[in-house]
Structures are given as C-alpha cells and as structure tokens.
Amino acid sequence: MGAPKGVARKGVLTALRPDPHRGNGQYPIAWLHICAPLGAIPTATSRCACGWDRSAVGRRQVLALVDDHAAHRDVCPLRSSQEGRAAA
C-alpha cells in the first residue's frame, strides 16, 4: 500500500542551484551579453557587480564595448587583489 519505494513523498524532487556561498569561493561578478542576429543590428550590454553598466548598438560600438569590458577587468575594485596592495 502507499507509494512505491524511491518515489518522493510530497511531489517531485527538483534540481537546486548550488549555494553560491559554498564551493571554491568563485562566482561571476561581470557579464557581457551580445545579441547579433543574422541580418540585424547587433547590441551588447556589459554589467559588473561594482556598478559598471554600459550598452552599445551597432557593430562598431559593440566591438568597442567588448574591448572596454575586457579593460574593466584590470581596474574593477571587486577583482583587484588586496594582497598586492598590502605588499606594495
């Protein structure tokens, strides 16, 4: 009687996202989203948890934003190493 073995008691088990505070301590802080459909004008957005938020429309501006996004990695206060600053 009752449910067969191995069946969830109250509904279906679902996959849960891992806890961002566990694991190896790495988590995303910056995102670059590019949308370039065939035959349409490309768009892009670059966002960072530090507050960096830029967008671009058109091929030339999108390519420039990709470069700006990569350059932001070097100056982002969330990515800079505190150890290097203390040693200097």
PDB file of N, CA and C in Angstrom:
ATOM      1  N   MET A   1       0.831  -1.157   0.000  1.00  0.00           N
ATOM      2  CA  MET A   1       0.000   0.000   0.000  1.00  0.00           C
ATOM      3  C   MET A   1       0.887   1.234   0.000  1.00  0.00           C
ATOM      4  N   GLY A   2       0.366   2.341  -0.388  1.00  0.00           N
ATOM      5  CA  GLY A   2       1.148   3.563  -0.440  1.00  0.00           C
ATOM      6  C   GLY A   2       1.981   3.640  -1.707  1.00  0.00           C
ATOM      7  N   ALA A   3       2.897   4.578  -1.725  1.00  0.00           N
ATOM      8  CA  ALA A   3       3.745   4.797  -2.899  1.00  0.00           C
ATOM      9  C   ALA A   3       4.873   3.784  -2.942  1.00  0.00           C
ATOM     10  N   PRO A   4       5.299   3.424  -4.164  1.00  0.00           N
ATOM     11  CA  PRO A   4       6.435   2.515  -4.293  1.00  0.00           C
ATOM     12  C   PRO A   4       7.712   3.158  -3.740  1.00  0.00           C
ATOM     13  N   LYS A   5       8.684   2.325  -3.399  1.00  0.00           N
ATOM     14  CA  LYS A   5       9.946   2.828  -2.869  1.00  0.00           C
ATOM     15  C   LYS A   5      10.644   3.708  -3.906  1.00  0.00           C
ATOM     16  N   GLY A   6      11.326   4.725  -3.431  1.00  0.00           N
ATOM     17  CA  GLY A   6      12.077   5.598  -4.330  1.00  0.00           C
ATOM     18  C   GLY A   6      11.275   6.775  -4.852  1.00  0.00           C
ATOM     19  N   VAL A   7       9.997   6.852  -4.573  1.00  0.00           N
ATOM     20  CA  VAL A   7       9.164   7.947  -5.050  1.00  0.00           C
ATOM     21  C   VAL A   7       9.120   9.024  -3.973  1.00  0.00           C
ATOM     22  N   ALA A   8       9.183  10.276  -4.390  1.00  0.00           N
ATOM     23  CA  ALA A   8       9.150  11.385  -3.429  1.00  0.00           C
ATOM     24  C   ALA A   8       7.821  11.391  -2.691  1.00  0.00           C
ATOM     25  N   ARG A   9       7.881  11.697  -1.415  1.00  0.00           N
ATOM     26  CA  ARG A   9       6.657  11.695  -0.615  1.00  0.00           C
ATOM     27  C   ARG A   9       5.738  12.856  -0.965  1.00  0.00           C
ATOM     28  N   LYS A  10       6.299  14.027  -1.144  1.00  0.00           N
ATOM     29  CA  LYS A  10       5.471  15.204  -1.390  1.00  0.00           C
ATOM     30  C   LYS A  10       5.905  15.861  -2.689  1.00  0.00           C
ATOM     31  N   GLY A  11       5.515  15.327  -3.788  1.00  0.00           N
ATOM     32  CA  GLY A  11       5.817  15.940  -5.067  1.00  0.00           C
ATOM     33  C   GLY A  11       7.086  15.414  -5.691  1.00  0.00           C
ATOM     34  N   VAL A  12       7.502  16.106  -6.708  1.00  0.00           N
ATOM     35  CA  VAL A  12       8.657  15.688  -7.498  1.00  0.00           C
ATOM     36  C   VAL A  12       9.894  16.409  -6.993  1.00  0.00           C
ATOM     37  N   LEU A  13      10.984  15.678  -6.865  1.00  0.00           N
ATOM     38  CA  LEU A  13      12.249  16.299  -6.491  1.00  0.00           C
ATOM     39  C   LEU A  13      12.741  17.154  -7.652  1.00  0.00           C
ATOM     40  N   THR A  14      13.273  18.305  -7.369  1.00  0.00           N
ATOM     41  CA  THR A  14      13.789  19.178  -8.408  1.00  0.00           C
ATOM     42  C   THR A  14      15.263  19.445  -8.160  1.00  0.00           C
ATOM     43  N   ALA A  15      15.948  19.770  -9.215  1.00  0.00           N
ATOM     44  CA  ALA A  15      17.368  20.109  -9.090  1.00  0.00           C
ATOM     45  C   ALA A  15      17.475  21.531  -8.559  1.00  0.00           C
ATOM     46  N   LEU A  16      18.300  21.738  -7.573  1.00  0.00           N
ATOM     47  CA  LEU A  16      18.504  23.049  -6.986  1.00  0.00           C
ATOM     48  C   LEU A  16      19.834  23.615  -7.424  1.00  0.00           C
ATOM     49  N   ARG A  17      19.892  24.920  -7.551  1.00  0.00           N
ATOM     50  CA  ARG A  17      21.156  25.562  -7.876  1.00  0.00           C
ATOM     51  C   ARG A  17      22.091  25.447  -6.679  1.00  0.00           C
ATOM     52  N   PRO A  18      23.375  25.325  -6.933  1.00  0.00           N
ATOM     53  CA  PRO A  18      24.312  25.242  -5.813  1.00  0.00           C
ATOM     54  C   PRO A  18      24.328  26.547  -5.028  1.00  0.00           C
ATOM     55  N   ASP A  19      24.591  26.436  -3.763  1.00  0.00           N
ATOM     56  CA  ASP A  19      24.675  27.597  -2.890  1.00  0.00           C
ATOM     57  C   ASP A  19      25.910  28.406  -3.286  1.00  0.00           C
ATOM     58  N   PRO A  20      25.749  29.697  -3.667  1.00  0.00           N
ATOM     59  CA  PRO A  20      26.911  30.476  -4.100  1.00  0.00           C
ATOM     60  C   PRO A  20      27.925  30.717  -2.992  1.00  0.00           C
ATOM     61  N   HIS A  21      27.553  30.507  -1.745  1.00  0.00           N
ATOM     62  CA  HIS A  21      28.475  30.726  -0.642  1.00  0.00           C
ATOM     63  C   HIS A  21      29.275  29.479  -0.301  1.00  0.00           C
ATOM     64  N   ARG A  22      29.043  28.396  -1.024  1.00  0.00           N
ATOM     65  CA  ARG A  22      29.795  27.167  -0.810  1.00  0.00           C
ATOM     66  C   ARG A  22      30.703  26.919  -2.002  1.00  0.00           C
ATOM     67  N   GLY A  23      31.512  25.918  -1.911  1.00  0.00           N
ATOM     68  CA  GLY A  23      32.362  25.554  -3.038  1.00  0.00           C
ATOM     69  C   GLY A  23      33.720  26.209  -2.945  1.00  0.00           C
ATOM     70  N   ASN A  24      34.267  26.567  -4.102  1.00  0.00           N
ATOM     71  CA  ASN A  24      35.633  27.088  -4.143  1.00  0.00           C
ATOM     72  C   ASN A  24      35.707  28.605  -3.971  1.00  0.00           C
ATOM     73  N   GLY A  25      34.590  29.263  -3.707  1.00  0.00           N
ATOM     74  CA  GLY A  25      34.608  30.693  -3.465  1.00  0.00           C
ATOM     75  C   GLY A  25      34.563  31.549  -4.713  1.00  0.00           C
ATOM     76  N   GLN A  26      34.475  30.946  -5.890  1.00  0.00           N
ATOM     77  CA  GLN A  26      34.405  31.714  -7.126  1.00  0.00           C
ATOM     78  C   GLN A  26      32.952  31.897  -7.534  1.00  0.00           C
ATOM     79  N   TYR A  27      32.637  33.082  -8.010  1.00  0.00           N
ATOM     80  CA  TYR A  27      31.305  33.367  -8.516  1.00  0.00           C
ATOM     81  C   TYR A  27      31.419  34.504  -9.535  1.00  0.00           C
ATOM     82  N   PRO A  28      30.491  34.584 -10.477  1.00  0.00           N
ATOM     83  CA  PRO A  28      30.587  35.624 -11.504  1.00  0.00           C
ATOM     84  C   PRO A  28      30.296  37.006 -10.925  1.00  0.00           C
ATOM     85  N   ILE A  29      31.041  38.007 -11.392  1.00  0.00           N
ATOM     86  CA  ILE A  29      30.777  39.379 -10.971  1.00  0.00           C
ATOM     87  C   ILE A  29      30.550  40.290 -12.171  1.00  0.00           C
ATOM     88  N   ALA A  30      30.909  39.844 -13.369  1.00  0.00           N
ATOM     89  CA  ALA A  30      30.740  40.671 -14.563  1.00  0.00           C
ATOM     90  C   ALA A  30      30.144  39.838 -15.687  1.00  0.00           C
ATOM     91  N   TRP A  31      29.297  40.487 -16.486  1.00  0.00           N
ATOM     92  CA  TRP A  31      28.607  39.798 -17.568  1.00  0.00           C
ATOM     93  C   TRP A  31      28.695  40.637 -18.827  1.00  0.00           C
ATOM     94  N   LEU A  32      28.918  39.981 -19.950  1.00  0.00           N
ATOM     95  CA  LEU A  32      28.910  40.615 -21.265  1.00  0.00           C
ATOM     96  C   LEU A  32      27.898  39.854 -22.101  1.00  0.00           C
ATOM     97  N   HIS A  33      26.848  40.542 -22.531  1.00  0.00           N
ATOM     98  CA  HIS A  33      25.794  39.907 -23.323  1.00  0.00           C
ATOM     99  C   HIS A  33      25.765  40.555 -24.693  1.00  0.00           C
ATOM    100  N   ILE A  34      25.967  39.748 -25.729  1.00  0.00           N
ATOM    101  CA  ILE A  34      25.968  40.244 -27.106  1.00  0.00           C
ATOM    102  C   ILE A  34      24.848  39.555 -27.857  1.00  0.00           C
ATOM    103  N   CYS A  35      24.053  40.335 -28.559  1.00  0.00           N
ATOM    104  CA  CYS A  35      22.980  39.799 -29.388  1.00  0.00           C
ATOM    105  C   CYS A  35      23.226  40.289 -30.810  1.00  0.00           C
ATOM    106  N   ALA A  36      23.515  39.354 -31.703  1.00  0.00           N
ATOM    107  CA  ALA A  36      23.829  39.709 -33.088  1.00  0.00           C
ATOM    108  C   ALA A  36      23.104  38.770 -34.046  1.00  0.00           C
ATOM    109  N   PRO A  37      21.776  38.926 -34.179  1.00  0.00           N
ATOM    110  CA  PRO A  37      21.039  38.070 -35.107  1.00  0.00           C
ATOM    111  C   PRO A  37      21.473  38.342 -36.548  1.00  0.00           C
ATOM    112  N   LEU A  38      21.401  37.326 -37.368  1.00  0.00           N
ATOM    113  CA  LEU A  38      21.794  37.431 -38.770  1.00  0.00           C
ATOM    114  C   LEU A  38      20.927  38.470 -39.471  1.00  0.00           C
ATOM    115  N   GLY A  39      21.554  39.446 -40.069  1.00  0.00           N
ATOM    116  CA  GLY A  39      20.837  40.470 -40.813  1.00  0.00           C
ATOM    117  C   GLY A  39      20.261  41.585 -39.965  1.00  0.00           C
ATOM    118  N   ALA A  40      20.566  41.623 -38.678  1.00  0.00           N
ATOM    119  CA  ALA A  40      20.044  42.668 -37.793  1.00  0.00           C
ATOM    120  C   ALA A  40      21.199  43.449 -37.182  1.00  0.00           C
ATOM    121  N   ILE A  41      20.867  44.550 -36.559  1.00  0.00           N
ATOM    122  CA  ILE A  41      21.875  45.384 -35.907  1.00  0.00           C
ATOM    123  C   ILE A  41      22.263  44.745 -34.576  1.00  0.00           C
ATOM    124  N   PRO A  42      23.557  44.520 -34.338  1.00  0.00           N
ATOM    125  CA  PRO A  42      23.983  43.900 -33.073  1.00  0.00           C
ATOM    126  C   PRO A  42      23.852  44.866 -31.896  1.00  0.00           C
ATOM    127  N   THR A  43      23.593  44.296 -30.729  1.00  0.00           N
ATOM    128  CA  THR A  43      23.533  45.060 -29.488  1.00  0.00           C
ATOM    129  C   THR A  43      24.343  44.319 -28.431  1.00  0.00           C
ATOM    130  N   ALA A  44      24.778  45.035 -27.409  1.00  0.00           N
ATOM    131  CA  ALA A  44      25.543  44.414 -26.338  1.00  0.00           C
ATOM    132  C   ALA A  44      25.348  45.199 -25.048  1.00  0.00           C
ATOM    133  N   THR A  45      25.451  44.479 -23.935  1.00  0.00           N
ATOM    134  CA  THR A  45      25.453  45.107 -22.619  1.00  0.00           C
ATOM    135  C   THR A  45      26.602  44.523 -21.809  1.00  0.00           C
ATOM    136  N   SER A  46      27.217  45.363 -21.014  1.00  0.00           N
ATOM    137  CA  SER A  46      28.314  44.961 -20.134  1.00  0.00           C
ATOM    138  C   SER A  46      27.947  45.432 -18.739  1.00  0.00           C
ATOM    139  N   ARG A  47      27.856  44.492 -17.800  1.00  0.00           N
ATOM    140  CA  ARG A  47      27.485  44.824 -16.432  1.00  0.00           C
ATOM    141  C   ARG A  47      28.450  44.151 -15.470  1.00  0.00           C
ATOM    142  N   CYS A  48      28.682  44.842 -14.354  1.00  0.00           N
ATOM    143  CA  CYS A  48      29.549  44.311 -13.316  1.00  0.00           C
ATOM    144  C   CYS A  48      28.891  44.587 -11.965  1.00  0.00           C
ATOM    145  N   ALA A  49      29.169  43.753 -11.002  1.00  0.00           N
ATOM    146  CA  ALA A  49      28.607  43.921  -9.668  1.00  0.00           C
ATOM    147  C   ALA A  49      29.109  45.191  -8.987  1.00  0.00           C
ATOM    148  N   CYS A  50      30.194  45.791  -9.472  1.00  0.00           N
ATOM    149  CA  CYS A  50      30.730  47.023  -8.884  1.00  0.00           C
ATOM    150  C   CYS A  50      29.925  48.247  -9.293  1.00  0.00           C
ATOM    151  N   GLY A  51      29.020  48.099 -10.254  1.00  0.00           N
ATOM    152  CA  GLY A  51      28.212  49.219 -10.713  1.00  0.00           C
ATOM    153  C   GLY A  51      28.446  49.586 -12.165  1.00  0.00           C
ATOM    154  N   TRP A  52      29.451  49.021 -12.790  1.00  0.00           N
ATOM    155  CA  TRP A  52      29.725  49.239 -14.214  1.00  0.00           C
ATOM    156  C   TRP A  52      28.520  48.755 -15.003  1.00  0.00           C
ATOM    157  N   ASP A  53      27.952  49.610 -15.852  1.00  0.00           N
ATOM    158  CA  ASP A  53      26.779  49.250 -16.647  1.00  0.00           C
ATOM    159  C   ASP A  53      26.829  50.046 -17.945  1.00  0.00           C
ATOM    160  N   ARG A  54      27.163  49.384 -19.045  1.00  0.00           N
ATOM    161  CA  ARG A  54      27.292  50.040 -20.342  1.00  0.00           C
ATOM    162  C   ARG A  54      26.505  49.246 -21.381  1.00  0.00           C
ATOM    163  N   SER A  55      26.089  49.928 -22.445  1.00  0.00           N
ATOM    164  CA  SER A  55      25.414  49.242 -23.553  1.00  0.00           C
ATOM    165  C   SER A  55      25.872  49.860 -24.864  1.00  0.00           C
ATOM    166  N   ALA A  56      25.677  49.101 -25.941  1.00  0.00           N
ATOM    167  CA  ALA A  56      26.101  49.560 -27.259  1.00  0.00           C
ATOM    168  C   ALA A  56      25.158  49.021 -28.317  1.00  0.00           C
ATOM    169  N   VAL A  57      24.991  49.804 -29.387  1.00  0.00           N
ATOM    170  CA  VAL A  57      24.166  49.410 -30.527  1.00  0.00           C
ATOM    171  C   VAL A  57      24.980  49.670 -31.786  1.00  0.00           C
ATOM    172  N   GLY A  58      25.041  48.685 -32.657  1.00  0.00           N
ATOM    173  CA  GLY A  58      25.807  48.822 -33.893  1.00  0.00           C
ATOM    174  C   GLY A  58      27.142  48.096 -33.796  1.00  0.00           C
ATOM    175  N   ARG A  59      27.624  47.647 -34.937  1.00  0.00           N
ATOM    176  CA  ARG A  59      28.826  46.815 -34.972  1.00  0.00           C
ATOM    177  C   ARG A  59      30.034  47.492 -34.344  1.00  0.00           C
ATOM    178  N   ARG A  60      30.306  48.726 -34.751  1.00  0.00           N
ATOM    179  CA  ARG A  60      31.488  49.429 -34.261  1.00  0.00           C
ATOM    180  C   ARG A  60      31.418  49.657 -32.747  1.00  0.00           C
ATOM    181  N   GLN A  61      30.255  50.071 -32.250  1.00  0.00           N
ATOM    182  CA  GLN A  61      30.113  50.322 -30.822  1.00  0.00           C
ATOM    183  C   GLN A  61      30.170  49.033 -30.004  1.00  0.00           C
ATOM    184  N   VAL A  62      29.605  47.941 -30.556  1.00  0.00           N
ATOM    185  CA  VAL A  62      29.658  46.656 -29.850  1.00  0.00           C
ATOM    186  C   VAL A  62      31.105  46.176 -29.725  1.00  0.00           C
ATOM    187  N   LEU A  63      31.870  46.292 -30.795  1.00  0.00           N
ATOM    188  CA  LEU A  63      33.273  45.883 -30.744  1.00  0.00           C
ATOM    189  C   LEU A  63      34.048  46.737 -29.732  1.00  0.00           C
ATOM    190  N   ALA A  64      33.733  48.030 -29.665  1.00  0.00           N
ATOM    191  CA  ALA A  64      34.393  48.900 -28.690  1.00  0.00           C
ATOM    192  C   ALA A  64      33.993  48.513 -27.262  1.00  0.00           C
ATOM    193  N   LEU A  65      32.723  48.123 -27.071  1.00  0.00           N
ATOM    194  CA  LEU A  65      32.272  47.716 -25.742  1.00  0.00           C
ATOM    195  C   LEU A  65      32.948  46.424 -25.296  1.00  0.00           C
ATOM    196  N   VAL A  66      33.182  45.518 -26.224  1.00  0.00           N
ATOM    197  CA  VAL A  66      33.894  44.284 -25.888  1.00  0.00           C
ATOM    198  C   VAL A  66      35.291  44.622 -25.364  1.00  0.00           C
ATOM    199  N   ASP A  67      35.963  45.554 -26.017  1.00  0.00           N
ATOM    200  CA  ASP A  67      37.289  45.979 -25.556  1.00  0.00           C
ATOM    201  C   ASP A  67      37.203  46.666 -24.193  1.00  0.00           C
ATOM    202  N   ASP A  68      36.188  47.523 -24.010  1.00  0.00           N
ATOM    203  CA  ASP A  68      36.011  48.208 -22.722  1.00  0.00           C
ATOM    204  C   ASP A  68      35.727  47.215 -21.601  1.00  0.00           C
ATOM    205  N   HIS A  69      34.929  46.187 -21.896  1.00  0.00           N
ATOM    206  CA  HIS A  69      34.606  45.168 -20.902  1.00  0.00           C
ATOM    207  C   HIS A  69      35.875  44.428 -20.463  1.00  0.00           C
ATOM    208  N   ALA A  70      36.708  44.089 -21.435  1.00  0.00           N
ATOM    209  CA  ALA A  70      37.960  43.399 -21.117  1.00  0.00           C
ATOM    210  C   ALA A  70      38.894  44.309 -20.315  1.00  0.00           C
ATOM    211  N   ALA A  71      38.940  45.594 -20.652  1.00  0.00           N
ATOM    212  CA  ALA A  71      39.804  46.536 -19.936  1.00  0.00           C
ATOM    213  C   ALA A  71      39.283  46.775 -18.514  1.00  0.00           C
ATOM    214  N   HIS A  72      37.973  46.682 -18.313  1.00  0.00           N
ATOM    215  CA  HIS A  72      37.393  46.906 -16.985  1.00  0.00           C
ATOM    216  C   HIS A  72      37.883  45.865 -15.980  1.00  0.00           C
ATOM    217  N   ARG A  73      38.220  44.675 -16.455  1.00  0.00           N
ATOM    218  CA  ARG A  73      38.728  43.634 -15.557  1.00  0.00           C
ATOM    219  C   ARG A  73      39.962  44.100 -14.791  1.00  0.00           C
ATOM    220  N   ASP A  74      40.803  44.875 -15.443  1.00  0.00           N
ATOM    221  CA  ASP A  74      42.052  45.323 -14.813  1.00  0.00           C
ATOM    222  C   ASP A  74      41.833  46.414 -13.766  1.00  0.00           C
ATOM    223  N   VAL A  75      40.734  47.155 -13.866  1.00  0.00           N
ATOM    224  CA  VAL A  75      40.517  48.281 -12.956  1.00  0.00           C
ATOM    225  C   VAL A  75      39.344  48.076 -12.006  1.00  0.00           C
ATOM    226  N   CYS A  76      38.633  46.971 -12.124  1.00  0.00           N
ATOM    227  CA  CYS A  76      37.457  46.723 -11.284  1.00  0.00           C
ATOM    228  C   CYS A  76      37.884  46.568  -9.823  1.00  0.00           C
ATOM    229  N   PRO A  77      37.266  47.315  -8.907  1.00  0.00           N
ATOM    230  CA  PRO A  77      37.641  47.203  -7.497  1.00  0.00           C
ATOM    231  C   PRO A  77      37.283  45.842  -6.887  1.00  0.00           C
ATOM    232  N   LEU A  78      36.344  45.124  -7.480  1.00  0.00           N
ATOM    233  CA  LEU A  78      35.978  43.808  -6.959  1.00  0.00           C
ATOM    234  C   LEU A  78      36.964  42.722  -7.370  1.00  0.00           C
ATOM    235  N   ARG A  79      37.707  42.955  -8.443  1.00  0.00           N
ATOM    236  CA  ARG A  79      38.664  41.959  -8.918  1.00  0.00           C
ATOM    237  C   ARG A  79      40.083  42.241  -8.466  1.00  0.00           C
ATOM    238  N   SER A  80      40.365  43.443  -8.004  1.00  0.00           N
ATOM    239  CA  SER A  80      41.737  43.779  -7.632  1.00  0.00           C
ATOM    240  C   SER A  80      42.140  43.006  -6.380  1.00  0.00           C
ATOM    241  N   SER A  81      43.359  42.587  -6.337  1.00  0.00           N
ATOM    242  CA  SER A  81      43.875  41.788  -5.234  1.00  0.00           C
ATOM    243  C   SER A  81      44.281  42.683  -4.068  1.00  0.00           C
ATOM    244  N   GLN A  82      43.745  42.411  -2.915  1.00  0.00           N
ATOM    245  CA  GLN A  82      44.111  43.187  -1.732  1.00  0.00           C
ATOM    246  C   GLN A  82      45.509  42.807  -1.251  1.00  0.00           C
ATOM    247  N   GLU A  83      45.963  41.593  -1.560  1.00  0.00           N
ATOM    248  CA  GLU A  83      47.287  41.169  -1.136  1.00  0.00           C
ATOM    249  C   GLU A  83      48.357  42.007  -1.826  1.00  0.00           C
ATOM    250  N   GLY A  84      48.188  42.257  -3.121  1.00  0.00           N
ATOM    251  CA  GLY A  84      49.161  43.034  -3.867  1.00  0.00           C
ATOM    252  C   GLY A  84      49.260  44.451  -3.367  1.00  0.00           C
ATOM    253  N   ARG A  85      48.143  45.013  -2.944  1.00  0.00           N
ATOM    254  CA  ARG A  85      48.149  46.379  -2.433  1.00  0.00           C
ATOM    255  C   ARG A  85      48.876  46.462  -1.090  1.00  0.00           C
ATOM    256  N   ALA A  86      48.693  45.472  -0.249  1.00  0.00           N
ATOM    257  CA  ALA A  86      49.332  45.491   1.070  1.00  0.00           C
ATOM    258  C   ALA A  86      50.857  45.337   0.918  1.00  0.00           C
ATOM    259  N   ALA A  87      51.277  44.552  -0.039  1.00  0.00           N
ATOM    260  CA  ALA A  87      52.706  44.314  -0.234  1.00  0.00           C
ATOM    261  C   ALA A  87      53.397  45.521  -0.843  1.00  0.00           C
ATOM    262  N   ALA A  88      52.675  46.323  -1.603  1.00  0.00           N
ATOM    263  CA  ALA A  88      53.270  47.477  -2.253  1.00  0.00           C
ATOM    264  C   ALA A  88      53.343  48.612  -1.318  1.00  0.00           C
TER     265      ALA A  88
END
